[in-house]
């Protein structure tokens, strides 16, 4: 599973050799997600993965093929319905999110895309 996630990450973000891991918010069963803070050429980024319902709770935006849009109740309902449909088909579903973190501010899982 981790090999597949790494491969997908490279397809989306390219090689990650220029990403330095600065911090980690580990997975726990209450939060159902984990995050890492990385120094990237574009600034500090927080990357999050986990259960869709908990990752979406940390998001203000959603990225579609057409671009980034606010995560409104309609989009959130559509995404959770798609997740439910995949889970009912026996698939394991993970959500991914990212967001910039300003220098000198704590790593917080909020306002993500």
C-alpha atoms as a PDB file:
ATOM      1  CA  UNK A   1       0.000   0.000   0.000  1.00  0.00           C
ATOM      2  CA  UNK A   2       2.758   2.474   0.931  1.00  0.00           C
ATOM      3  CA  UNK A   3       4.551   1.799  -2.374  1.00  0.00           C
ATOM      4  CA  UNK A   4       1.353   2.658  -4.252  1.00  0.00           C
ATOM      5  CA  UNK A   5       0.948   5.885  -2.241  1.00  0.00           C
ATOM      6  CA  UNK A   6       4.542   6.899  -2.955  1.00  0.00           C
ATOM      7  CA  UNK A   7       4.055   6.225  -6.679  1.00  0.00           C
ATOM      8  CA  UNK A   8       0.872   8.297  -6.768  1.00  0.00           C
ATOM      9  CA  UNK A   9       2.622  11.118  -4.907  1.00  0.00           C
ATOM     10  CA  UNK A  10       5.394  11.204  -7.488  1.00  0.00           C
ATOM     11  CA  UNK A  11       2.816  11.378 -10.298  1.00  0.00           C
ATOM     12  CA  UNK A  12       1.149  14.382  -8.660  1.00  0.00           C
ATOM     13  CA  UNK A  13       4.097  16.231  -7.129  1.00  0.00           C
ATOM     14  CA  UNK A  14       7.120  14.905  -9.008  1.00  0.00           C
ATOM     15  CA  UNK A  15      10.234  13.662  -7.266  1.00  0.00           C
ATOM     16  CA  UNK A  16      10.325  14.583  -3.611  1.00  0.00           C
ATOM     17  CA  UNK A  17      14.107  14.798  -3.149  1.00  0.00           C
ATOM     18  CA  UNK A  18      13.743  18.555  -2.584  1.00  0.00           C
ATOM     19  CA  UNK A  19      11.148  18.036   0.195  1.00  0.00           C
ATOM     20  CA  UNK A  20      12.635  17.894   3.698  1.00  0.00           C
ATOM     21  CA  UNK A  21      10.412  16.460   6.439  1.00  0.00           C
ATOM     22  CA  UNK A  22      10.354  18.920   9.333  1.00  0.00           C
ATOM     23  CA  UNK A  23       7.687  17.495  11.610  1.00  0.00           C
ATOM     24  CA  UNK A  24       4.980  14.857  11.845  1.00  0.00           C
ATOM     25  CA  UNK A  25       1.575  14.700  13.480  1.00  0.00           C
ATOM     26  CA  UNK A  26       1.262  10.920  13.901  1.00  0.00           C
ATOM     27  CA  UNK A  27      -1.813   8.842  13.159  1.00  0.00           C
ATOM     28  CA  UNK A  28      -4.043   8.009  16.065  1.00  0.00           C
ATOM     29  CA  UNK A  29      -7.378   6.243  16.219  1.00  0.00           C
ATOM     30  CA  UNK A  30      -9.280   9.314  17.445  1.00  0.00           C
ATOM     31  CA  UNK A  31      -8.133  11.638  14.641  1.00  0.00           C
ATOM     32  CA  UNK A  32      -8.002   8.895  11.964  1.00  0.00           C
ATOM     33  CA  UNK A  33      -5.376  10.833  10.004  1.00  0.00           C
ATOM     34  CA  UNK A  34      -1.692  11.718   9.979  1.00  0.00           C
ATOM     35  CA  UNK A  35       0.217  14.685   8.635  1.00  0.00           C
ATOM     36  CA  UNK A  36       3.754  15.674   7.800  1.00  0.00           C
ATOM     37  CA  UNK A  37       5.228  19.151   7.546  1.00  0.00           C
ATOM     38  CA  UNK A  38       7.802  19.550   4.769  1.00  0.00           C
ATOM     39  CA  UNK A  39      10.126  22.278   3.594  1.00  0.00           C
ATOM     40  CA  UNK A  40       9.601  22.522  -0.167  1.00  0.00           C
ATOM     41  CA  UNK A  41      10.859  24.858  -2.894  1.00  0.00           C
ATOM     42  CA  UNK A  42       7.439  26.556  -2.667  1.00  0.00           C
ATOM     43  CA  UNK A  43       7.549  27.026   1.121  1.00  0.00           C
ATOM     44  CA  UNK A  44       6.448  24.959   4.092  1.00  0.00           C
ATOM     45  CA  UNK A  45       3.664  22.508   3.219  1.00  0.00           C
ATOM     46  CA  UNK A  46       1.509  20.286   5.405  1.00  0.00           C
ATOM     47  CA  UNK A  47       0.447  17.010   3.776  1.00  0.00           C
ATOM     48  CA  UNK A  48      -2.355  14.987   5.361  1.00  0.00           C
ATOM     49  CA  UNK A  49      -3.831  11.529   4.692  1.00  0.00           C
ATOM     50  CA  UNK A  50      -6.547   9.576   6.435  1.00  0.00           C
ATOM     51  CA  UNK A  51     -10.227   8.774   6.690  1.00  0.00           C
ATOM     52  CA  UNK A  52     -12.194  11.007   4.308  1.00  0.00           C
ATOM     53  CA  UNK A  53     -14.601  12.293   6.971  1.00  0.00           C
ATOM     54  CA  UNK A  54     -11.732  13.483   9.192  1.00  0.00           C
ATOM     55  CA  UNK A  55      -9.559  14.891   6.413  1.00  0.00           C
ATOM     56  CA  UNK A  56     -12.502  16.805   4.948  1.00  0.00           C
ATOM     57  CA  UNK A  57     -13.149  18.300   8.387  1.00  0.00           C
ATOM     58  CA  UNK A  58      -9.708  19.957   8.114  1.00  0.00           C
ATOM     59  CA  UNK A  59     -10.380  21.334   4.611  1.00  0.00           C
ATOM     60  CA  UNK A  60     -11.759  24.652   3.385  1.00  0.00           C
ATOM     61  CA  UNK A  61     -11.137  23.892  -0.301  1.00  0.00           C
ATOM     62  CA  UNK A  62     -11.401  20.951  -2.681  1.00  0.00           C
ATOM     63  CA  UNK A  63      -9.369  20.289  -5.818  1.00  0.00           C
ATOM     64  CA  UNK A  64     -11.281  19.032  -8.847  1.00  0.00           C
ATOM     65  CA  UNK A  65      -9.942  18.406 -12.353  1.00  0.00           C
ATOM     66  CA  UNK A  66     -11.180  21.891 -13.262  1.00  0.00           C
ATOM     67  CA  UNK A  67      -9.323  23.546 -10.377  1.00  0.00           C
ATOM     68  CA  UNK A  68      -9.665  24.483  -6.719  1.00  0.00           C
ATOM     69  CA  UNK A  69     -13.032  25.510  -5.281  1.00  0.00           C
ATOM     70  CA  UNK A  70     -14.389  26.227  -1.802  1.00  0.00           C
ATOM     71  CA  UNK A  71     -15.483  23.083   0.018  1.00  0.00           C
ATOM     72  CA  UNK A  72     -19.164  23.867   0.359  1.00  0.00           C
ATOM     73  CA  UNK A  73     -21.778  21.521   1.877  1.00  0.00           C
ATOM     74  CA  UNK A  74     -22.825  20.252  -1.578  1.00  0.00           C
ATOM     75  CA  UNK A  75     -19.266  19.269  -2.544  1.00  0.00           C
ATOM     76  CA  UNK A  76     -18.671  17.699   0.878  1.00  0.00           C
ATOM     77  CA  UNK A  77     -21.853  15.625   0.569  1.00  0.00           C
ATOM     78  CA  UNK A  78     -20.839  14.468  -2.941  1.00  0.00           C
ATOM     79  CA  UNK A  79     -17.373  13.449  -1.781  1.00  0.00           C
ATOM     80  CA  UNK A  80     -18.665  11.549   1.251  1.00  0.00           C
ATOM     81  CA  UNK A  81     -21.298   9.800  -0.909  1.00  0.00           C
ATOM     82  CA  UNK A  82     -18.572   8.706  -3.354  1.00  0.00           C
ATOM     83  CA  UNK A  83     -16.488   7.456  -0.419  1.00  0.00           C
ATOM     84  CA  UNK A  84     -19.468   5.494   0.926  1.00  0.00           C
ATOM     85  CA  UNK A  85     -20.112   3.942  -2.486  1.00  0.00           C
ATOM     86  CA  UNK A  86     -16.475   2.842  -2.797  1.00  0.00           C
ATOM     87  CA  UNK A  87     -16.440   1.453   0.752  1.00  0.00           C
ATOM     88  CA  UNK A  88     -19.614  -0.534   0.043  1.00  0.00           C
ATOM     89  CA  UNK A  89     -17.810  -2.021  -2.959  1.00  0.00           C
ATOM     90  CA  UNK A  90     -15.109  -3.269  -0.588  1.00  0.00           C
ATOM     91  CA  UNK A  91     -12.526  -0.630  -1.418  1.00  0.00           C
ATOM     92  CA  UNK A  92     -10.301   1.050   1.151  1.00  0.00           C
ATOM     93  CA  UNK A  93     -10.662   4.802   0.785  1.00  0.00           C
ATOM     94  CA  UNK A  94      -8.108   7.416   1.842  1.00  0.00           C
ATOM     95  CA  UNK A  95      -8.358  11.169   1.484  1.00  0.00           C
ATOM     96  CA  UNK A  96      -5.366  13.426   0.908  1.00  0.00           C
ATOM     97  CA  UNK A  97      -5.033  17.146   1.632  1.00  0.00           C
ATOM     98  CA  UNK A  98      -2.347  19.804   1.599  1.00  0.00           C
ATOM     99  CA  UNK A  99      -1.861  23.361   2.670  1.00  0.00           C
ATOM    100  CA  UNK A 100       0.824  25.981   3.106  1.00  0.00           C
ATOM    101  CA  UNK A 101       2.117  26.770   6.572  1.00  0.00           C
ATOM    102  CA  UNK A 102       3.690  30.166   7.131  1.00  0.00           C
ATOM    103  CA  UNK A 103       7.146  30.255   8.709  1.00  0.00           C
ATOM    104  CA  UNK A 104       6.962  30.658  12.462  1.00  0.00           C
ATOM    105  CA  UNK A 105       3.397  29.351  12.760  1.00  0.00           C
ATOM    106  CA  UNK A 106       2.464  25.976  14.231  1.00  0.00           C
ATOM    107  CA  UNK A 107       1.596  23.029  12.006  1.00  0.00           C
ATOM    108  CA  UNK A 108      -2.190  22.922  12.091  1.00  0.00           C
ATOM    109  CA  UNK A 109      -4.533  20.673  10.181  1.00  0.00           C
ATOM    110  CA  UNK A 110      -6.982  23.320   9.036  1.00  0.00           C
ATOM    111  CA  UNK A 111      -7.663  25.399   5.958  1.00  0.00           C
ATOM    112  CA  UNK A 112      -6.388  22.580   3.751  1.00  0.00           C
ATOM    113  CA  UNK A 113      -7.211  21.713   0.142  1.00  0.00           C
END
